[in-house]
Amino acid sequence: MHKPELAALLAASFVVVEINVGRYDKNLDLAQKYYVPIKRGIPSLGVLDSRGALLYATDQGQFADARHMSYESIKDFFIKWEPKR
């Protein structure tokens, strides 16, 4: 998310809320509220619509190995879930 193109996409189309799980004892209520199963691996992602309805959650730990994922696959994920205007 540190590449300018991806950072611009996120800034223009998403509200990013970081959950500091630390020792898995902080902000767990927010992850639970939006059905983002952090115990399957972190980072975990949830995509909500503008009304707060869950559209997608990484329920199988899809981003648990994010540091080894290609930039293109991460960018493609966000493009797929980018709100249509």
PDB file of N, CA and C in Angstrom:
ATOM      1  N   MET A   1       0.818  -1.189   0.000  1.00  0.00           N
ATOM      2  CA  MET A   1       0.000   0.000   0.000  1.00  0.00           C
ATOM      3  C   MET A   1       0.857   1.247   0.000  1.00  0.00           C
ATOM      4  N   HIS A   2       2.132   1.045  -0.064  1.00  0.00           N
ATOM      5  CA  HIS A   2       3.024   2.192  -0.035  1.00  0.00           C
ATOM      6  C   HIS A   2       3.345   2.717  -1.428  1.00  0.00           C
ATOM      7  N   LYS A   3       2.902   2.029  -2.462  1.00  0.00           N
ATOM      8  CA  LYS A   3       3.148   2.509  -3.820  1.00  0.00           C
ATOM      9  C   LYS A   3       2.148   3.623  -4.127  1.00  0.00           C
ATOM     10  N   PRO A   4       2.598   4.681  -4.778  1.00  0.00           N
ATOM     11  CA  PRO A   4       1.731   5.836  -5.027  1.00  0.00           C
ATOM     12  C   PRO A   4       0.420   5.489  -5.738  1.00  0.00           C
ATOM     13  N   GLU A   5       0.467   4.628  -6.735  1.00  0.00           N
ATOM     14  CA  GLU A   5      -0.751   4.290  -7.477  1.00  0.00           C
ATOM     15  C   GLU A   5      -1.788   3.624  -6.571  1.00  0.00           C
ATOM     16  N   LEU A   6      -1.355   2.703  -5.745  1.00  0.00           N
ATOM     17  CA  LEU A   6      -2.269   2.013  -4.837  1.00  0.00           C
ATOM     18  C   LEU A   6      -2.740   2.957  -3.733  1.00  0.00           C
ATOM     19  N   ALA A   7      -1.848   3.762  -3.218  1.00  0.00           N
ATOM     20  CA  ALA A   7      -2.224   4.734  -2.187  1.00  0.00           C
ATOM     21  C   ALA A   7      -3.275   5.696  -2.719  1.00  0.00           C
ATOM     22  N   ALA A   8      -3.142   6.124  -3.969  1.00  0.00           N
ATOM     23  CA  ALA A   8      -4.125   7.025  -4.577  1.00  0.00           C
ATOM     24  C   ALA A   8      -5.477   6.341  -4.744  1.00  0.00           C
ATOM     25  N   LEU A   9      -5.466   5.086  -5.167  1.00  0.00           N
ATOM     26  CA  LEU A   9      -6.710   4.321  -5.311  1.00  0.00           C
ATOM     27  C   LEU A   9      -7.417   4.197  -3.968  1.00  0.00           C
ATOM     28  N   LEU A  10      -6.667   3.844  -2.938  1.00  0.00           N
ATOM     29  CA  LEU A  10      -7.256   3.702  -1.612  1.00  0.00           C
ATOM     30  C   LEU A  10      -7.808   5.032  -1.110  1.00  0.00           C
ATOM     31  N   ALA A  11      -7.062   6.105  -1.278  1.00  0.00           N
ATOM     32  CA  ALA A  11      -7.506   7.412  -0.804  1.00  0.00           C
ATOM     33  C   ALA A  11      -8.759   7.892  -1.533  1.00  0.00           C
ATOM     34  N   ALA A  12      -8.863   7.587  -2.806  1.00  0.00           N
ATOM     35  CA  ALA A  12      -9.994   8.071  -3.600  1.00  0.00           C
ATOM     36  C   ALA A  12     -11.255   7.232  -3.425  1.00  0.00           C
ATOM     37  N   SER A  13     -11.101   5.956  -3.104  1.00  0.00           N
ATOM     38  CA  SER A  13     -12.258   5.056  -3.163  1.00  0.00           C
ATOM     39  C   SER A  13     -12.602   4.332  -1.869  1.00  0.00           C
ATOM     40  N   PHE A  14     -11.748   4.406  -0.873  1.00  0.00           N
ATOM     41  CA  PHE A  14     -11.972   3.636   0.343  1.00  0.00           C
ATOM     42  C   PHE A  14     -11.733   4.488   1.577  1.00  0.00           C
ATOM     43  N   VAL A  15     -12.380   4.111   2.665  1.00  0.00           N
ATOM     44  CA  VAL A  15     -12.057   4.651   3.980  1.00  0.00           C
ATOM     45  C   VAL A  15     -11.325   3.518   4.695  1.00  0.00           C
ATOM     46  N   VAL A  16     -10.073   3.731   4.966  1.00  0.00           N
ATOM     47  CA  VAL A  16      -9.253   2.700   5.590  1.00  0.00           C
ATOM     48  C   VAL A  16      -9.304   2.883   7.101  1.00  0.00           C
ATOM     49  N   VAL A  17      -9.709   1.830   7.799  1.00  0.00           N
ATOM     50  CA  VAL A  17      -9.745   1.835   9.251  1.00  0.00           C
ATOM     51  C   VAL A  17      -8.785   0.754   9.712  1.00  0.00           C
ATOM     52  N   GLU A  18      -7.760   1.162  10.397  1.00  0.00           N
ATOM     53  CA  GLU A  18      -6.773   0.202  10.880  1.00  0.00           C
ATOM     54  C   GLU A  18      -7.180  -0.287  12.258  1.00  0.00           C
ATOM     55  N   ILE A  19      -7.143  -1.587  12.417  1.00  0.00           N
ATOM     56  CA  ILE A  19      -7.441  -2.203  13.702  1.00  0.00           C
ATOM     57  C   ILE A  19      -6.121  -2.671  14.290  1.00  0.00           C
ATOM     58  N   ASN A  20      -5.746  -2.128  15.424  1.00  0.00           N
ATOM     59  CA  ASN A  20      -4.511  -2.523  16.081  1.00  0.00           C
ATOM     60  C   ASN A  20      -4.806  -3.722  16.956  1.00  0.00           C
ATOM     61  N   VAL A  21      -4.514  -4.906  16.457  1.00  0.00           N
ATOM     62  CA  VAL A  21      -4.820  -6.106  17.235  1.00  0.00           C
ATOM     63  C   VAL A  21      -3.789  -6.358  18.315  1.00  0.00           C
ATOM     64  N   GLY A  22      -2.605  -5.797  18.165  1.00  0.00           N
ATOM     65  CA  GLY A  22      -1.577  -5.945  19.198  1.00  0.00           C
ATOM     66  C   GLY A  22      -1.477  -7.355  19.718  1.00  0.00           C
ATOM     67  N   ARG A  23      -1.920  -7.549  20.912  1.00  0.00           N
ATOM     68  CA  ARG A  23      -1.910  -8.883  21.530  1.00  0.00           C
ATOM     69  C   ARG A  23      -3.310  -9.499  21.444  1.00  0.00           C
ATOM     70  N   TYR A  24      -4.017  -9.136  20.410  1.00  0.00           N
ATOM     71  CA  TYR A  24      -5.386  -9.601  20.204  1.00  0.00           C
ATOM     72  C   TYR A  24      -6.283  -9.219  21.375  1.00  0.00           C
ATOM     73  N   ASP A  25      -6.086  -7.987  21.887  1.00  0.00           N
ATOM     74  CA  ASP A  25      -6.894  -7.535  23.010  1.00  0.00           C
ATOM     75  C   ASP A  25      -7.431  -6.117  22.820  1.00  0.00           C
ATOM     76  N   LYS A  26      -7.262  -5.538  21.636  1.00  0.00           N
ATOM     77  CA  LYS A  26      -7.741  -4.180  21.384  1.00  0.00           C
ATOM     78  C   LYS A  26      -8.542  -4.160  20.086  1.00  0.00           C
ATOM     79  N   ASN A  27      -9.619  -3.437  20.097  1.00  0.00           N
ATOM     80  CA  ASN A  27     -10.442  -3.205  18.900  1.00  0.00           C
ATOM     81  C   ASN A  27     -11.063  -4.469  18.325  1.00  0.00           C
ATOM     82  N   LEU A  28     -11.112  -5.517  19.085  1.00  0.00           N
ATOM     83  CA  LEU A  28     -11.682  -6.753  18.576  1.00  0.00           C
ATOM     84  C   LEU A  28     -13.166  -6.600  18.278  1.00  0.00           C
ATOM     85  N   ASP A  29     -13.830  -5.680  18.994  1.00  0.00           N
ATOM     86  CA  ASP A  29     -15.256  -5.473  18.763  1.00  0.00           C
ATOM     87  C   ASP A  29     -15.528  -4.965  17.350  1.00  0.00           C
ATOM     88  N   LEU A  30     -14.662  -4.133  16.822  1.00  0.00           N
ATOM     89  CA  LEU A  30     -14.857  -3.611  15.471  1.00  0.00           C
ATOM     90  C   LEU A  30     -14.669  -4.704  14.425  1.00  0.00           C
ATOM     91  N   ALA A  31     -13.654  -5.510  14.589  1.00  0.00           N
ATOM     92  CA  ALA A  31     -13.443  -6.634  13.665  1.00  0.00           C
ATOM     93  C   ALA A  31     -14.620  -7.602  13.753  1.00  0.00           C
ATOM     94  N   GLN A  32     -15.098  -7.858  14.957  1.00  0.00           N
ATOM     95  CA  GLN A  32     -16.228  -8.770  15.129  1.00  0.00           C
ATOM     96  C   GLN A  32     -17.508  -8.186  14.533  1.00  0.00           C
ATOM     97  N   LYS A  33     -17.727  -6.908  14.721  1.00  0.00           N
ATOM     98  CA  LYS A  33     -18.933  -6.245  14.203  1.00  0.00           C
ATOM     99  C   LYS A  33     -19.051  -6.410  12.691  1.00  0.00           C
ATOM    100  N   TYR A  34     -17.915  -6.342  12.003  1.00  0.00           N
ATOM    101  CA  TYR A  34     -17.923  -6.422  10.544  1.00  0.00           C
ATOM    102  C   TYR A  34     -17.491  -7.786  10.021  1.00  0.00           C
ATOM    103  N   TYR A  35     -17.490  -8.784  10.892  1.00  0.00           N
ATOM    104  CA  TYR A  35     -17.226 -10.177  10.492  1.00  0.00           C
ATOM    105  C   TYR A  35     -15.870 -10.350   9.795  1.00  0.00           C
ATOM    106  N   VAL A  36     -14.878  -9.647  10.289  1.00  0.00           N
ATOM    107  CA  VAL A  36     -13.530  -9.793   9.745  1.00  0.00           C
ATOM    108  C   VAL A  36     -12.774 -10.723  10.690  1.00  0.00           C
ATOM    109  N   PRO A  37     -12.604 -11.977  10.289  1.00  0.00           N
ATOM    110  CA  PRO A  37     -12.020 -12.979  11.179  1.00  0.00           C
ATOM    111  C   PRO A  37     -10.503 -12.883  11.277  1.00  0.00           C
ATOM    112  N   ILE A  38     -10.025 -12.077  12.200  1.00  0.00           N
ATOM    113  CA  ILE A  38      -8.585 -11.853  12.308  1.00  0.00           C
ATOM    114  C   ILE A  38      -7.827 -13.089  12.763  1.00  0.00           C
ATOM    115  N   LYS A  39      -8.498 -14.061  13.341  1.00  0.00           N
ATOM    116  CA  LYS A  39      -7.804 -15.272  13.789  1.00  0.00           C
ATOM    117  C   LYS A  39      -7.406 -16.160  12.620  1.00  0.00           C
ATOM    118  N   ARG A  40      -7.887 -15.861  11.421  1.00  0.00           N
ATOM    119  CA  ARG A  40      -7.500 -16.625  10.222  1.00  0.00           C
ATOM    120  C   ARG A  40      -6.202 -16.089   9.636  1.00  0.00           C
ATOM    121  N   GLY A  41      -5.699 -15.011  10.180  1.00  0.00           N
ATOM    122  CA  GLY A  41      -4.459 -14.421   9.693  1.00  0.00           C
ATOM    123  C   GLY A  41      -4.607 -12.927   9.522  1.00  0.00           C
ATOM    124  N   ILE A  42      -3.513 -12.243   9.741  1.00  0.00           N
ATOM    125  CA  ILE A  42      -3.511 -10.803   9.527  1.00  0.00           C
ATOM    126  C   ILE A  42      -2.408 -10.467   8.543  1.00  0.00           C
ATOM    127  N   PRO A  43      -2.569  -9.470   7.714  1.00  0.00           N
ATOM    128  CA  PRO A  43      -3.714  -8.568   7.741  1.00  0.00           C
ATOM    129  C   PRO A  43      -4.997  -9.252   7.276  1.00  0.00           C
ATOM    130  N   SER A  44      -6.096  -8.788   7.832  1.00  0.00           N
ATOM    131  CA  SER A  44      -7.423  -9.218   7.418  1.00  0.00           C
ATOM    132  C   SER A  44      -8.137  -7.997   6.876  1.00  0.00           C
ATOM    133  N   LEU A  45      -8.985  -8.236   5.909  1.00  0.00           N
ATOM    134  CA  LEU A  45      -9.674  -7.117   5.268  1.00  0.00           C
ATOM    135  C   LEU A  45     -11.162  -7.357   5.226  1.00  0.00           C
ATOM    136  N   GLY A  46     -11.892  -6.265   5.397  1.00  0.00           N
ATOM    137  CA  GLY A  46     -13.328  -6.279   5.184  1.00  0.00           C
ATOM    138  C   GLY A  46     -13.663  -5.136   4.253  1.00  0.00           C
ATOM    139  N   VAL A  47     -14.560  -5.377   3.323  1.00  0.00           N
ATOM    140  CA  VAL A  47     -14.999  -4.336   2.402  1.00  0.00           C
ATOM    141  C   VAL A  47     -16.469  -4.098   2.680  1.00  0.00           C
ATOM    142  N   LEU A  48     -16.809  -2.857   3.000  1.00  0.00           N
ATOM    143  CA  LEU A  48     -18.182  -2.491   3.300  1.00  0.00           C
ATOM    144  C   LEU A  48     -18.679  -1.506   2.262  1.00  0.00           C
ATOM    145  N   ASP A  49     -19.988  -1.480   2.061  1.00  0.00           N
ATOM    146  CA  ASP A  49     -20.537  -0.474   1.161  1.00  0.00           C
ATOM    147  C   ASP A  49     -20.727   0.826   1.943  1.00  0.00           C
ATOM    148  N   SER A  50     -21.244   1.845   1.296  1.00  0.00           N
ATOM    149  CA  SER A  50     -21.365   3.163   1.919  1.00  0.00           C
ATOM    150  C   SER A  50     -22.346   3.181   3.089  1.00  0.00           C
ATOM    151  N   ARG A  51     -23.189   2.160   3.196  1.00  0.00           N
ATOM    152  CA  ARG A  51     -24.139   2.063   4.313  1.00  0.00           C
ATOM    153  C   ARG A  51     -23.597   1.212   5.452  1.00  0.00           C
ATOM    154  N   GLY A  52     -22.421   0.633   5.280  1.00  0.00           N
ATOM    155  CA  GLY A  52     -21.815  -0.185   6.318  1.00  0.00           C
ATOM    156  C   GLY A  52     -22.140  -1.662   6.212  1.00  0.00           C
ATOM    157  N   ALA A  53     -22.751  -2.076   5.104  1.00  0.00           N
ATOM    158  CA  ALA A  53     -23.048  -3.495   4.905  1.00  0.00           C
ATOM    159  C   ALA A  53     -21.804  -4.205   4.383  1.00  0.00           C
ATOM    160  N   LEU A  54     -21.508  -5.347   4.946  1.00  0.00           N
ATOM    161  CA  LEU A  54     -20.328  -6.109   4.550  1.00  0.00           C
ATOM    162  C   LEU A  54     -20.503  -6.674   3.148  1.00  0.00           C
ATOM    163  N   LEU A  55     -19.554  -6.386   2.278  1.00  0.00           N
ATOM    164  CA  LEU A  55     -19.536  -6.940   0.925  1.00  0.00           C
ATOM    165  C   LEU A  55     -18.586  -8.130   0.820  1.00  0.00           C
ATOM    166  N   TYR A  56     -17.491  -8.070   1.587  1.00  0.00           N
ATOM    167  CA  TYR A  56     -16.470  -9.106   1.500  1.00  0.00           C
ATOM    168  C   TYR A  56     -15.614  -9.083   2.761  1.00  0.00           C
ATOM    169  N   ALA A  57     -15.224 -10.251   3.224  1.00  0.00           N
ATOM    170  CA  ALA A  57     -14.268 -10.370   4.324  1.00  0.00           C
ATOM    171  C   ALA A  57     -13.299 -11.498   3.992  1.00  0.00           C
ATOM    172  N   THR A  58     -12.080 -11.332   4.418  1.00  0.00           N
ATOM    173  CA  THR A  58     -11.066 -12.358   4.171  1.00  0.00           C
ATOM    174  C   THR A  58     -11.277 -13.490   5.168  1.00  0.00           C
ATOM    175  N   ASP A  59     -12.260 -14.318   4.895  1.00  0.00           N
ATOM    176  CA  ASP A  59     -12.655 -15.356   5.836  1.00  0.00           C
ATOM    177  C   ASP A  59     -11.758 -16.587   5.823  1.00  0.00           C
ATOM    178  N   GLN A  60     -10.859 -16.663   4.882  1.00  0.00           N
ATOM    179  CA  GLN A  60      -9.939 -17.797   4.801  1.00  0.00           C
ATOM    180  C   GLN A  60      -8.474 -17.365   4.924  1.00  0.00           C
ATOM    181  N   GLY A  61      -8.242 -16.173   5.461  1.00  0.00           N
ATOM    182  CA  GLY A  61      -6.872 -15.696   5.625  1.00  0.00           C
ATOM    183  C   GLY A  61      -6.190 -15.342   4.313  1.00  0.00           C
ATOM    184  N   GLN A  62      -6.970 -14.839   3.349  1.00  0.00           N
ATOM    185  CA  GLN A  62      -6.443 -14.574   2.015  1.00  0.00           C
ATOM    186  C   GLN A  62      -5.256 -13.605   1.999  1.00  0.00           C
ATOM    187  N   PHE A  63      -5.144 -12.720   2.959  1.00  0.00           N
ATOM    188  CA  PHE A  63      -4.041 -11.766   2.974  1.00  0.00           C
ATOM    189  C   PHE A  63      -3.015 -12.082   4.058  1.00  0.00           C
ATOM    190  N   ALA A  64      -3.127 -13.241   4.683  1.00  0.00           N
ATOM    191  CA  ALA A  64      -2.204 -13.593   5.762  1.00  0.00           C
ATOM    192  C   ALA A  64      -0.755 -13.613   5.294  1.00  0.00           C
ATOM    193  N   ASP A  65      -0.531 -13.888   4.031  1.00  0.00           N
ATOM    194  CA  ASP A  65       0.817 -13.920   3.477  1.00  0.00           C
ATOM    195  C   ASP A  65       1.039 -12.726   2.540  1.00  0.00           C
ATOM    196  N   ALA A  66       0.459 -11.597   2.898  1.00  0.00           N
ATOM    197  CA  ALA A  66       0.480 -10.415   2.024  1.00  0.00           C
ATOM    198  C   ALA A  66       1.888  -9.968   1.648  1.00  0.00           C
ATOM    199  N   ARG A  67       2.837 -10.141   2.531  1.00  0.00           N
ATOM    200  CA  ARG A  67       4.188  -9.670   2.201  1.00  0.00           C
ATOM    201  C   ARG A  67       4.814 -10.452   1.051  1.00  0.00           C
ATOM    202  N   HIS A  68       4.248 -11.618   0.741  1.00  0.00           N
ATOM    203  CA  HIS A  68       4.741 -12.405  -0.384  1.00  0.00           C
ATOM    204  C   HIS A  68       3.830 -12.341  -1.605  1.00  0.00           C
ATOM    205  N   MET A  69       2.755 -11.576  -1.491  1.00  0.00           N
ATOM    206  CA  MET A  69       1.838 -11.422  -2.628  1.00  0.00           C
ATOM    207  C   MET A  69       2.403 -10.384  -3.588  1.00  0.00           C
ATOM    208  N   SER A  70       2.063 -10.530  -4.842  1.00  0.00           N
ATOM    209  CA  SER A  70       2.537  -9.545  -5.813  1.00  0.00           C
ATOM    210  C   SER A  70       1.752  -8.238  -5.663  1.00  0.00           C
ATOM    211  N   TYR A  71       2.420  -7.172  -5.998  1.00  0.00           N
ATOM    212  CA  TYR A  71       1.776  -5.859  -5.987  1.00  0.00           C
ATOM    213  C   TYR A  71       0.540  -5.882  -6.869  1.00  0.00           C
ATOM    214  N   GLU A  72       0.643  -6.508  -8.026  1.00  0.00           N
ATOM    215  CA  GLU A  72      -0.483  -6.549  -8.966  1.00  0.00           C
ATOM    216  C   GLU A  72      -1.695  -7.260  -8.372  1.00  0.00           C
ATOM    217  N   SER A  73      -1.480  -8.351  -7.659  1.00  0.00           N
ATOM    218  CA  SER A  73      -2.626  -9.076  -7.089  1.00  0.00           C
ATOM    219  C   SER A  73      -3.301  -8.266  -5.985  1.00  0.00           C
ATOM    220  N   ILE A  74      -2.529  -7.539  -5.222  1.00  0.00           N
ATOM    221  CA  ILE A  74      -3.113  -6.674  -4.194  1.00  0.00           C
ATOM    222  C   ILE A  74      -3.884  -5.532  -4.848  1.00  0.00           C
ATOM    223  N   LYS A  75      -3.279  -4.910  -5.848  1.00  0.00           N
ATOM    224  CA  LYS A  75      -3.964  -3.825  -6.557  1.00  0.00           C
ATOM    225  C   LYS A  75      -5.244  -4.330  -7.212  1.00  0.00           C
ATOM    226  N   ASP A  76      -5.193  -5.493  -7.825  1.00  0.00           N
ATOM    227  CA  ASP A  76      -6.373  -6.067  -8.476  1.00  0.00           C
ATOM    228  C   ASP A  76      -7.509  -6.301  -7.483  1.00  0.00           C
ATOM    229  N   PHE A  77      -7.159  -6.714  -6.273  1.00  0.00           N
ATOM    230  CA  PHE A  77      -8.178  -6.910  -5.244  1.00  0.00           C
ATOM    231  C   PHE A  77      -8.930  -5.612  -5.002  1.00  0.00           C
ATOM    232  N   PHE A  78      -8.204  -4.522  -4.811  1.00  0.00           N
ATOM    233  CA  PHE A  78      -8.859  -3.252  -4.515  1.00  0.00           C
ATOM    234  C   PHE A  78      -9.607  -2.704  -5.729  1.00  0.00           C
ATOM    235  N   ILE A  79      -9.107  -2.921  -6.912  1.00  0.00           N
ATOM    236  CA  ILE A  79      -9.827  -2.499  -8.109  1.00  0.00           C
ATOM    237  C   ILE A  79     -11.149  -3.269  -8.214  1.00  0.00           C
ATOM    238  N   LYS A  80     -11.126  -4.549  -7.901  1.00  0.00           N
ATOM    239  CA  LYS A  80     -12.339  -5.355  -7.952  1.00  0.00           C
ATOM    240  C   LYS A  80     -13.407  -4.806  -7.025  1.00  0.00           C
ATOM    241  N   TRP A  81     -13.027  -4.342  -5.848  1.00  0.00           N
ATOM    242  CA  TRP A  81     -13.979  -3.868  -4.852  1.00  0.00           C
ATOM    243  C   TRP A  81     -14.178  -2.352  -4.859  1.00  0.00           C
ATOM    244  N   GLU A  82     -13.525  -1.684  -5.789  1.00  0.00           N
ATOM    245  CA  GLU A  82     -13.680  -0.229  -5.891  1.00  0.00           C
ATOM    246  C   GLU A  82     -15.146   0.107  -6.188  1.00  0.00           C
ATOM    247  N   PRO A  83     -15.725   1.058  -5.458  1.00  0.00           N
ATOM    248  CA  PRO A  83     -17.132   1.410  -5.718  1.00  0.00           C
ATOM    249  C   PRO A  83     -17.320   1.897  -7.143  1.00  0.00           C
ATOM    250  N   LYS A  84     -18.397   1.462  -7.737  1.00  0.00           N
ATOM    251  CA  LYS A  84     -18.738   1.917  -9.103  1.00  0.00           C
ATOM    252  C   LYS A  84     -19.407   3.277  -8.991  1.00  0.00           C
ATOM    253  N   ARG A  85     -19.001   4.161  -9.858  1.00  0.00           N
ATOM    254  CA  ARG A  85     -19.558   5.536  -9.810  1.00  0.00           C
ATOM    255  C   ARG A  85     -20.417   5.802 -11.008  1.00  0.00           C
TER     256      ARG A  85
END
